[in-house]
Amino acid sequence: MARGFGIFGALAILRFRTKISNPRNISFIFAAMAVGIACGVYSFMNAIIGTIAFCAIAFLLSLTPFSRKSKLVGSLRFQLPAGSDTLQVVEAVLKKACKSWVMKRYRVQLNAENEELIEYTYDVRLRKELDGAELAREIRPLPGIKDIRLNFTDIYSSQNEY
């Protein structure tokens, strides 16, 4: 009876004290706790069998579509002269290279030569995660494009989960 309450208390403290929104991370934590509890009650054979079974399941799941896919979201920022028709060409390139994109903001500014520039910022999700450099190479030669910046952040790591 005391072991049951102890297990319940450990699980309750873990779940309510720690913000874990990714179910994959929760399963790893609970598996580690189960192995730790098995070792704590001197059931080493169950701990070994459980560890091997969990590792085998985790390996098999990594080979399936259920494995964790990183959620890289990019921020594409560039400048165009006001009145330029290049924006439609940029959006055609985005359509080809990205699963999704949305314009987050634009800003009108004057440069040192008193030229009116519009700075566009898009949130993008690439079709192939590591093609950010290719996207930048396709946009760079377009007429009027200045100051291209492309940054990517993993959604999970931005939530301070590792």
Protein backbone atom coordinates (compact mmCIF):
# COMPACT_ATOMS: atom_id res chain seq x y z
CA MET A 1 0.00 0.00 0.00
CA ALA A 2 2.83 2.41 0.87
CA ARG A 3 4.60 1.70 -2.45
CA GLY A 4 1.41 2.46 -4.36
CA PHE A 5 1.01 5.83 -2.64
CA GLY A 6 4.68 6.57 -3.21
CA ILE A 7 4.39 5.89 -6.93
CA PHE A 8 1.23 7.99 -7.13
CA GLY A 9 2.94 10.86 -5.30
CA ALA A 10 6.01 10.74 -7.56
CA LEU A 11 3.88 10.81 -10.68
CA ALA A 12 1.72 13.64 -9.34
CA ILE A 13 4.73 15.78 -8.42
CA LEU A 14 6.31 15.22 -11.81
CA ARG A 15 3.17 15.97 -13.79
CA PHE A 16 1.97 19.03 -11.90
CA ARG A 17 5.33 20.65 -11.11
CA THR A 18 6.85 20.36 -14.57
CA LYS A 19 5.41 21.86 -17.76
CA ILE A 20 5.85 19.17 -20.38
CA SER A 21 3.66 19.60 -23.44
CA ASN A 22 5.28 17.04 -25.73
CA PRO A 23 3.81 13.52 -25.22
CA ARG A 24 7.04 11.98 -26.51
CA ASN A 25 9.01 13.53 -23.64
CA ILE A 26 6.39 12.42 -21.11
CA SER A 27 6.70 8.79 -22.25
CA PHE A 28 10.49 8.88 -21.78
CA ILE A 29 10.12 10.36 -18.29
CA PHE A 30 7.53 7.78 -17.22
CA ALA A 31 9.64 4.93 -18.60
CA ALA A 32 12.66 6.16 -16.64
CA MET A 33 10.54 6.45 -13.50
CA ALA A 34 9.19 2.91 -13.97
CA VAL A 35 12.72 1.52 -14.28
CA GLY A 36 13.81 3.54 -11.24
CA ILE A 37 10.90 2.28 -9.17
CA ALA A 38 11.61 -1.32 -10.26
CA CYS A 39 15.22 -0.92 -9.15
CA GLY A 40 14.06 0.69 -5.89
CA VAL A 41 12.02 -2.38 -4.98
CA TYR A 42 14.90 -4.72 -5.94
CA SER A 43 13.15 -6.04 -9.05
CA PHE A 44 16.22 -5.79 -11.22
CA MET A 45 15.05 -8.36 -13.78
CA ASN A 46 11.87 -6.33 -14.43
CA ALA A 47 13.98 -3.17 -14.72
CA ILE A 48 16.31 -4.80 -17.27
CA ILE A 49 13.45 -6.31 -19.29
CA GLY A 50 11.54 -3.01 -19.17
CA THR A 51 14.58 -1.03 -20.30
CA ILE A 52 15.26 -3.38 -23.20
CA ALA A 53 11.59 -3.39 -24.23
CA PHE A 54 11.31 0.39 -24.04
CA CYS A 55 14.52 0.91 -26.03
CA ALA A 56 13.33 -1.57 -28.68
CA ILE A 57 9.96 0.16 -28.97
CA ALA A 58 11.60 3.60 -29.13
CA PHE A 59 13.94 2.36 -31.88
CA LEU A 60 11.09 0.83 -33.89
CA LEU A 61 9.02 3.98 -33.55
CA SER A 62 11.95 6.07 -34.80
CA LEU A 63 11.70 4.14 -38.09
CA THR A 64 7.99 4.89 -38.51
CA PRO A 65 6.06 8.08 -39.26
CA PHE A 66 5.37 8.35 -35.51
CA SER A 67 8.92 9.48 -34.81
CA ARG A 68 9.49 13.04 -33.70
CA LYS A 69 9.79 15.42 -36.56
CA SER A 70 11.35 18.71 -35.73
CA LYS A 71 9.07 21.67 -36.23
CA LEU A 72 11.40 24.17 -37.82
CA VAL A 73 9.73 27.50 -38.46
CA GLY A 74 11.71 30.03 -40.42
CA SER A 75 11.58 33.77 -40.53
CA LEU A 76 12.41 35.22 -43.95
CA ARG A 77 13.09 38.95 -44.06
CA PHE A 78 14.06 41.01 -47.09
CA GLN A 79 13.70 44.49 -48.53
CA LEU A 80 12.28 45.62 -51.86
CA PRO A 81 11.97 49.07 -53.41
CA ALA A 82 8.43 50.45 -53.18
CA GLY A 83 6.37 49.65 -56.28
CA SER A 84 8.47 46.64 -57.26
CA ASP A 85 6.76 43.68 -58.96
CA THR A 86 9.28 41.25 -57.48
CA LEU A 87 7.03 40.34 -54.54
CA GLN A 88 4.90 38.07 -56.75
CA VAL A 89 8.06 36.30 -57.95
CA VAL A 90 9.20 35.84 -54.34
CA GLU A 91 5.83 34.32 -53.44
CA ALA A 92 6.11 31.94 -56.42
CA VAL A 93 9.50 30.80 -55.08
CA LEU A 94 7.96 30.37 -51.61
CA LYS A 95 5.13 28.31 -53.08
CA LYS A 96 7.67 25.97 -54.68
CA ALA A 97 9.99 25.63 -51.66
CA CYS A 98 7.64 25.84 -48.66
CA LYS A 99 4.84 23.75 -47.18
CA SER A 100 3.33 26.94 -45.83
CA TRP A 101 4.17 30.61 -45.49
CA VAL A 102 2.45 33.69 -44.19
CA MET A 103 3.41 37.35 -44.30
CA LYS A 104 3.80 38.45 -40.69
CA ARG A 105 4.61 42.10 -41.24
CA TYR A 106 5.92 44.71 -43.57
CA ARG A 107 7.58 47.98 -42.78
CA VAL A 108 8.10 51.05 -44.95
CA GLN A 109 11.38 52.90 -44.46
CA LEU A 110 13.66 55.39 -46.18
CA ASN A 111 17.32 54.57 -46.74
CA ALA A 112 20.26 56.99 -46.83
CA GLU A 113 19.63 57.82 -50.51
CA ASN A 114 16.03 58.81 -49.64
CA GLU A 115 14.77 55.71 -51.47
CA GLU A 116 11.57 54.18 -50.12
CA LEU A 117 12.08 50.52 -49.20
CA ILE A 118 9.54 48.01 -47.93
CA GLU A 119 10.79 45.34 -45.56
CA TYR A 120 8.75 42.12 -45.66
CA THR A 121 8.79 39.42 -43.00
CA TYR A 122 7.39 35.95 -43.68
CA ASP A 123 7.05 32.90 -41.44
CA VAL A 124 7.92 29.85 -43.55
CA ARG A 125 7.95 26.06 -43.21
CA LEU A 126 10.14 24.40 -45.79
CA ARG A 127 9.21 21.21 -47.63
CA LYS A 128 12.73 19.88 -46.95
CA GLU A 129 14.04 21.18 -43.64
CA LEU A 130 17.64 21.75 -44.65
CA ASP A 131 16.90 23.67 -47.86
CA GLY A 132 17.08 27.12 -46.27
CA ALA A 133 20.28 28.00 -48.11
CA GLU A 134 18.71 26.92 -51.40
CA LEU A 135 15.72 29.18 -50.73
CA ALA A 136 18.03 32.11 -50.07
CA ARG A 137 20.00 31.35 -53.27
CA GLU A 138 16.79 31.40 -55.31
CA ILE A 139 15.63 34.71 -53.85
CA ARG A 140 18.99 36.55 -53.87
CA PRO A 141 19.27 37.16 -57.66
CA LEU A 142 15.73 38.53 -58.01
CA PRO A 143 15.65 42.20 -59.08
CA GLY A 144 15.53 44.74 -56.27
CA ILE A 145 15.98 42.26 -53.39
CA LYS A 146 18.16 43.61 -50.59
CA ASP A 147 19.20 42.43 -47.14
CA ILE A 148 17.93 38.82 -47.09
CA ARG A 149 17.79 37.25 -43.63
CA LEU A 150 16.58 33.71 -43.05
CA ASN A 151 16.44 32.26 -39.51
CA PHE A 152 15.00 28.95 -38.35
CA THR A 153 13.86 27.94 -34.88
CA ASP A 154 12.59 24.58 -33.65
CA ILE A 155 9.20 25.02 -32.00
CA TYR A 156 10.00 22.43 -29.32
CA SER A 157 13.30 24.01 -28.33
CA SER A 158 11.66 27.44 -28.20
CA GLN A 159 9.46 26.05 -25.43
CA ASN A 160 12.61 25.17 -23.41
CA GLU A 161 12.06 21.43 -23.78
CA TYR A 162 14.96 19.14 -24.53
